[in-house]
Protein backbone atom coordinates (compact mmCIF):
# COMPACT_ATOMS: atom_id res chain seq x y z
CA GLU A 1 91.75 117.64 44.70
CA LYS A 2 88.37 118.27 46.33
CA GLU A 3 88.04 114.58 47.20
CA GLY A 4 91.51 114.59 48.72
CA LEU A 5 90.60 117.57 50.89
CA GLU A 6 87.34 115.92 51.94
CA VAL A 7 89.20 112.75 52.92
CA GLU A 8 91.75 114.80 54.85
CA LEU A 9 88.98 116.75 56.58
CA LYS A 10 87.25 113.50 57.58
CA LYS A 11 90.51 112.15 59.02
CA ILE A 12 91.03 115.34 60.99
CA GLN A 13 87.46 115.23 62.32
CA GLU A 14 87.88 111.59 63.39
CA LEU A 15 91.16 112.39 65.11
CA SER A 16 89.54 115.33 66.87
CA GLN A 17 86.68 113.14 68.07
CA GLN A 18 89.12 110.50 69.34
CA ARG A 19 91.00 113.16 71.26
CA GLU A 20 87.78 114.48 72.77
CA VAL A 21 86.86 110.98 73.94
CA PHE A 22 90.37 110.49 75.33
CA ALA A 23 90.19 113.82 77.19
CA GLU A 24 86.77 112.95 78.63
CA ASN A 25 88.09 109.58 79.80
CA LEU A 26 91.00 111.32 81.50
CA ARG A 27 88.62 113.76 83.21
CA ASN A 28 86.51 110.87 84.47
CA GLU A 29 89.58 109.04 85.71
CA LEU A 30 90.77 112.19 87.47
CA LEU A 31 87.42 112.61 89.23
CA SER A 32 87.51 108.97 90.29
CA VAL A 33 91.02 109.32 91.71
CA LYS A 34 90.02 112.53 93.52
CA ASP A 35 87.10 110.69 95.13
CA GLN A 36 89.39 107.84 96.17
CA LEU A 37 91.87 110.32 97.64
CA SER A 38 89.12 112.06 99.58
CA THR A 39 87.95 108.73 100.99
CA LEU A 40 91.48 107.78 102.00
CA GLU A 41 92.03 111.16 103.67
CA SER A 42 88.84 110.68 105.65
CA GLN A 43 89.90 107.19 106.72
CA MET A 44 93.35 108.44 107.72
CA SER A 45 91.81 111.19 109.80
CA LYS A 46 89.64 108.67 111.65
CA GLU A 47 92.65 106.40 112.21
CA ARG A 48 94.67 109.33 113.59
CA GLU A 49 91.85 110.10 116.02
CA LYS A 50 91.78 106.45 117.14
CA LEU A 51 95.55 106.43 117.57
CA LEU A 52 95.47 109.63 119.61
CA LYS A 53 92.75 108.18 121.84
CA LEU A 54 94.75 104.98 122.34
CA ARG A 55 97.84 107.00 123.28
CA GLU A 56 95.82 109.01 125.78
CA ASP A 57 94.34 105.82 127.24
CA LYS A 58 97.81 104.27 127.50
CA LYS A 59 99.16 107.35 129.25
CA ILE A 60 96.28 107.28 131.73
CA LEU A 61 96.82 103.58 132.42
CA LEU A 62 100.56 104.03 132.93
CA GLU A 63 99.94 106.85 135.41
CA LYS A 64 97.81 104.61 137.63
């Protein structure tokens, strides 16, 4: 019975370790996606500024 419990304990420890690795991988993936999102938001902001400037320039040109 003791051997059976030791085997079961080892299985549980291995499963726990696998889950910890899986959770760490998910955390890393989440951080990566957050960084990508931040970069995209920055790019979108710059593109909005360019678009606004182009609209202003167009308006000025049409008024001439």
